[in-house]
Amino acid sequence: MKTKAHHKVVSWLGVIVSIAIGVGLTFLGDMGARLAGVWSLSVSLIAIIIAWRQPQSSAPAASRTSRKPRPRRNLSTTRKRIIAAASALALGAASYLLYSIIAHPPDINVGPLDVQDGNDMMEGTFAVIKVPDSAFERRFLTLRFTLQNPSGAGSCITPAEVDLIPIVDRIPRGEHTALRKRPDEPVKLYLGHARKQVLIKAVLHEADLACRVNFAVTEAVLHN
């Protein structure tokens, strides 16, 4: 009886831990949600395997109350095939889960970012965005920036655009095909595999030469 009760406690603990892991993965963004789905599939298949591996007794109901060993019957060929297929699926799902965690680590929120020479910008001038060393662990940077008009006069923000050029290990990437964006538009930049330094050059394009604006990065996320 103690052994049976112990098995029940272990089973319930396994269920609780499995649910906790599944819920925890959902807080890791889109990739976490996908991993939660794979985790749920793995747990479900394992549960099916355990259920199908329980051979039913072929003895009469009366004999089940006796203390004699219960006669068992061998698994049928169909049940063996189901167990093999479910085991293969569970192993594949678990392997994919492990691969996803290693190859697709969670996103890193690094915003807002420090900006050099971002104040009183005018047509043709540029600011430099400093990206932290954690960028070395990710291949992409998605950010949002804002422009502010300190004077409050004129229409300086609406027509303004900014070219964003990644400078990885002192080498500009895509300088001739820079991403030109307006304020508050998400910008996805490819960083590759940085080793020493990541900077973003932000060049202002402003039709009104009298305008002066302040540039700031409000959101920044590193991801694969």
Protein backbone atom coordinates (compact mmCIF):
# COMPACT_ATOMS: atom_id res chain seq x y z
CA MET A 1 0.00 0.00 0.00
CA LYS A 2 2.84 2.39 0.83
CA THR A 3 4.45 1.73 -2.53
CA LYS A 4 1.17 2.41 -4.32
CA ALA A 5 0.65 5.65 -2.39
CA HIS A 6 4.23 6.67 -3.15
CA HIS A 7 3.65 6.10 -6.86
CA LYS A 8 0.53 8.31 -6.73
CA VAL A 9 2.46 11.14 -5.06
CA VAL A 10 5.25 10.91 -7.65
CA SER A 11 2.68 10.88 -10.47
CA TRP A 12 0.94 13.99 -9.18
CA LEU A 13 4.26 15.77 -8.71
CA GLY A 14 5.14 14.92 -12.31
CA VAL A 15 1.84 16.37 -13.50
CA ILE A 16 2.34 19.59 -11.51
CA VAL A 17 5.94 20.05 -12.70
CA SER A 18 4.91 19.40 -16.33
CA ILE A 19 2.13 22.00 -16.11
CA ALA A 20 4.50 24.51 -14.45
CA ILE A 21 7.09 24.07 -17.21
CA GLY A 22 4.44 24.48 -19.92
CA VAL A 23 3.08 27.66 -18.33
CA GLY A 24 6.60 29.03 -17.77
CA LEU A 25 7.50 28.59 -21.44
CA THR A 26 4.57 30.77 -22.50
CA PHE A 27 6.27 33.78 -20.87
CA LEU A 28 9.26 33.56 -23.24
CA GLY A 29 7.53 35.26 -26.18
CA ASP A 30 6.61 33.65 -29.49
CA MET A 31 9.39 31.07 -29.32
CA GLY A 32 8.32 30.16 -25.78
CA ALA A 33 4.77 29.60 -26.98
CA ARG A 34 6.01 27.24 -29.69
CA LEU A 35 8.18 25.40 -27.18
CA ALA A 36 5.20 25.11 -24.85
CA GLY A 37 3.30 23.39 -27.65
CA VAL A 38 6.13 20.93 -28.23
CA TRP A 39 6.40 20.31 -24.49
CA SER A 40 2.67 19.61 -24.23
CA LEU A 41 2.91 17.16 -27.13
CA SER A 42 5.80 15.37 -25.47
CA VAL A 43 4.01 15.05 -22.13
CA SER A 44 0.81 13.86 -23.82
CA LEU A 45 2.62 11.18 -25.80
CA ILE A 46 4.48 9.99 -22.73
CA ALA A 47 1.17 9.74 -20.88
CA ILE A 48 -0.24 7.64 -23.75
CA ILE A 49 2.77 5.35 -23.64
CA ILE A 50 2.40 4.82 -19.88
CA ALA A 51 -1.31 4.09 -20.24
CA TRP A 52 -0.82 1.60 -23.07
CA ARG A 53 2.00 -0.16 -21.24
CA GLN A 54 -0.37 -1.28 -18.49
CA PRO A 55 -1.43 -4.83 -19.45
CA GLN A 56 -4.91 -5.71 -18.28
CA SER A 57 -5.52 -8.71 -16.08
CA SER A 58 -7.22 -11.66 -17.74
CA ALA A 59 -8.43 -13.09 -14.42
CA PRO A 60 -12.12 -12.97 -13.31
CA ALA A 61 -13.29 -10.06 -11.22
CA ALA A 62 -13.49 -12.24 -8.10
CA SER A 63 -9.83 -13.12 -8.26
CA ARG A 64 -8.79 -9.45 -8.27
CA THR A 65 -9.60 -9.21 -4.56
CA SER A 66 -7.33 -12.09 -3.65
CA ARG A 67 -3.74 -11.70 -2.64
CA LYS A 68 -2.44 -14.08 -5.25
CA PRO A 69 -0.33 -12.62 -8.08
CA ARG A 70 -2.50 -11.28 -10.83
CA PRO A 71 -2.15 -13.07 -14.11
CA ARG A 72 -0.93 -10.84 -16.90
CA ARG A 73 -1.30 -11.03 -20.61
CA ASN A 74 1.27 -10.01 -23.16
CA LEU A 75 0.88 -6.86 -25.21
CA SER A 76 -0.77 -7.37 -28.55
CA THR A 77 1.04 -6.57 -31.79
CA THR A 78 -1.19 -3.54 -32.39
CA ARG A 79 -0.50 -2.15 -28.95
CA LYS A 80 3.23 -2.68 -29.38
CA ARG A 81 3.15 -0.73 -32.64
CA ILE A 82 1.23 2.12 -31.01
CA ILE A 83 3.76 2.23 -28.18
CA ALA A 84 6.65 2.26 -30.66
CA ALA A 85 5.09 5.05 -32.74
CA ALA A 86 4.22 7.14 -29.66
CA SER A 87 7.72 6.62 -28.27
CA ALA A 88 9.27 7.80 -31.53
CA LEU A 89 7.04 10.89 -31.61
CA ALA A 90 7.79 11.70 -27.97
CA LEU A 91 11.53 11.30 -28.56
CA GLY A 92 11.35 13.51 -31.66
CA ALA A 93 9.34 16.19 -29.86
CA ALA A 94 11.70 16.16 -26.88
CA SER A 95 14.71 16.40 -29.21
CA TYR A 96 13.17 19.35 -31.04
CA LEU A 97 12.44 21.01 -27.69
CA LEU A 98 16.08 20.68 -26.66
CA TYR A 99 17.30 21.90 -30.07
CA SER A 100 14.96 24.91 -29.96
CA ILE A 101 16.23 25.94 -26.53
CA ILE A 102 19.85 25.72 -27.68
CA ALA A 103 19.48 27.16 -31.20
CA HIS A 104 16.74 29.72 -30.43
CA PRO A 105 17.42 31.25 -27.01
CA PRO A 106 14.91 33.72 -25.56
CA ASP A 107 14.81 37.32 -26.79
CA ILE A 108 16.79 39.93 -24.84
CA ASN A 109 15.14 43.28 -24.14
CA VAL A 110 17.94 45.88 -24.08
CA GLY A 111 15.96 49.08 -24.70
CA PRO A 112 16.03 51.98 -24.37
CA LEU A 113 19.57 52.36 -25.74
CA ASP A 114 22.19 55.07 -25.25
CA VAL A 115 22.52 57.50 -28.16
CA GLN A 116 25.48 59.77 -28.93
CA ASP A 117 24.91 63.11 -30.71
CA GLY A 118 21.14 62.55 -30.75
CA ASN A 119 20.16 66.08 -29.70
CA ASP A 120 19.61 69.06 -32.03
CA MET A 121 19.94 66.94 -35.15
CA MET A 122 19.39 68.54 -38.53
CA GLU A 123 19.32 67.41 -42.17
CA GLY A 124 22.30 65.15 -42.97
CA THR A 125 23.63 64.79 -39.41
CA PHE A 126 23.81 61.42 -37.70
CA ALA A 127 23.64 59.90 -34.23
CA VAL A 128 25.32 56.72 -33.00
CA ILE A 129 23.38 54.06 -31.08
CA LYS A 130 25.45 51.98 -28.69
CA VAL A 131 24.32 48.33 -28.49
CA PRO A 132 25.37 46.31 -25.40
CA ASP A 133 27.68 43.29 -25.51
CA SER A 134 24.71 40.94 -25.23
CA ALA A 135 24.25 41.57 -28.96
CA PHE A 136 27.08 39.12 -29.55
CA GLU A 137 24.71 36.30 -28.59
CA ARG A 138 21.97 37.24 -31.09
CA ARG A 139 21.80 37.81 -34.84
CA PHE A 140 19.06 40.46 -35.10
CA LEU A 141 18.12 43.73 -33.41
CA THR A 142 14.58 45.12 -33.64
CA LEU A 143 14.12 48.67 -32.36
CA ARG A 144 11.82 51.68 -32.36
CA PHE A 145 12.95 55.30 -32.25
CA THR A 146 11.28 58.63 -31.64
CA LEU A 147 11.96 62.21 -32.72
CA GLN A 148 11.10 65.23 -30.62
CA ASN A 149 10.88 68.85 -31.70
CA PRO A 150 12.31 70.92 -28.80
CA SER A 151 11.08 74.22 -30.21
CA GLY A 152 7.51 73.05 -30.70
CA ALA A 153 7.24 75.18 -33.85
CA GLY A 154 6.90 73.94 -37.40
CA SER A 155 6.16 70.49 -38.80
CA CYS A 156 9.45 68.73 -38.22
CA ILE A 157 8.49 65.25 -37.03
CA THR A 158 5.96 64.02 -39.61
CA PRO A 159 8.10 64.37 -42.76
CA ALA A 160 11.35 63.29 -41.07
CA GLU A 161 12.98 59.94 -41.87
CA VAL A 162 16.05 58.16 -40.53
CA ASP A 163 18.52 55.81 -42.22
CA LEU A 164 19.73 53.05 -39.87
CA ILE A 165 23.06 51.41 -40.68
CA PRO A 166 24.53 48.63 -38.48
CA ILE A 167 28.28 48.89 -37.87
CA VAL A 168 29.46 45.46 -36.70
CA ASP A 169 33.07 45.13 -35.58
CA ARG A 170 33.77 48.51 -37.26
CA ILE A 171 32.40 47.34 -40.62
CA PRO A 172 29.23 49.09 -41.93
CA ARG A 173 26.58 46.67 -43.20
CA GLY A 174 24.17 47.72 -45.92
CA GLU A 175 25.34 51.34 -46.04
CA HIS A 176 24.05 51.68 -49.61
CA THR A 177 20.79 49.86 -48.81
CA ALA A 178 20.11 51.41 -45.42
CA LEU A 179 16.68 50.97 -43.87
CA ARG A 180 14.88 54.33 -44.03
CA LYS A 181 12.17 54.53 -41.40
CA ARG A 182 9.82 57.04 -39.82
CA PRO A 183 9.46 57.52 -36.05
CA ASP A 184 7.76 54.69 -34.11
CA GLU A 185 8.10 52.22 -37.02
CA PRO A 186 9.74 48.90 -36.00
CA VAL A 187 13.16 48.37 -37.59
CA LYS A 188 14.75 44.92 -37.89
CA LEU A 189 18.52 45.00 -38.38
CA TYR A 190 20.80 42.06 -39.14
CA LEU A 191 23.86 41.96 -36.91
CA GLY A 192 25.26 38.56 -37.85
CA HIS A 193 27.84 37.16 -35.46
CA ALA A 194 29.42 40.18 -33.79
CA ARG A 195 32.61 39.66 -31.81
CA LYS A 196 33.82 43.02 -30.52
CA GLN A 197 31.40 45.91 -31.05
CA VAL A 198 27.96 46.77 -32.42
CA LEU A 199 26.93 50.33 -33.26
CA ILE A 200 23.98 51.70 -35.25
CA LYS A 201 24.45 54.83 -37.35
CA ALA A 202 21.23 56.90 -37.56
CA VAL A 203 21.24 59.52 -40.36
CA LEU A 204 18.47 62.13 -40.28
CA HIS A 205 16.63 63.24 -43.42
CA GLU A 206 14.62 66.39 -42.81
CA ALA A 207 13.02 68.42 -45.61
CA ASP A 208 12.88 71.63 -43.55
CA LEU A 209 16.47 72.77 -43.08
CA ALA A 210 15.41 74.97 -40.16
CA CYS A 211 14.22 71.99 -38.11
CA ARG A 212 16.14 70.66 -35.14
CA VAL A 213 15.03 67.38 -33.52
CA ASN A 214 16.11 65.06 -30.74
CA PHE A 215 16.58 61.37 -31.56
CA ALA A 216 16.00 58.59 -28.99
CA VAL A 217 15.62 54.80 -29.03
CA THR A 218 12.60 53.75 -26.94
CA GLU A 219 12.54 49.99 -27.55
CA ALA A 220 15.22 47.47 -28.52
CA VAL A 221 15.10 43.67 -28.57
CA LEU A 222 17.90 41.28 -29.51
CA HIS A 223 16.75 37.99 -31.02
CA ASN A 224 17.59 35.20 -33.44
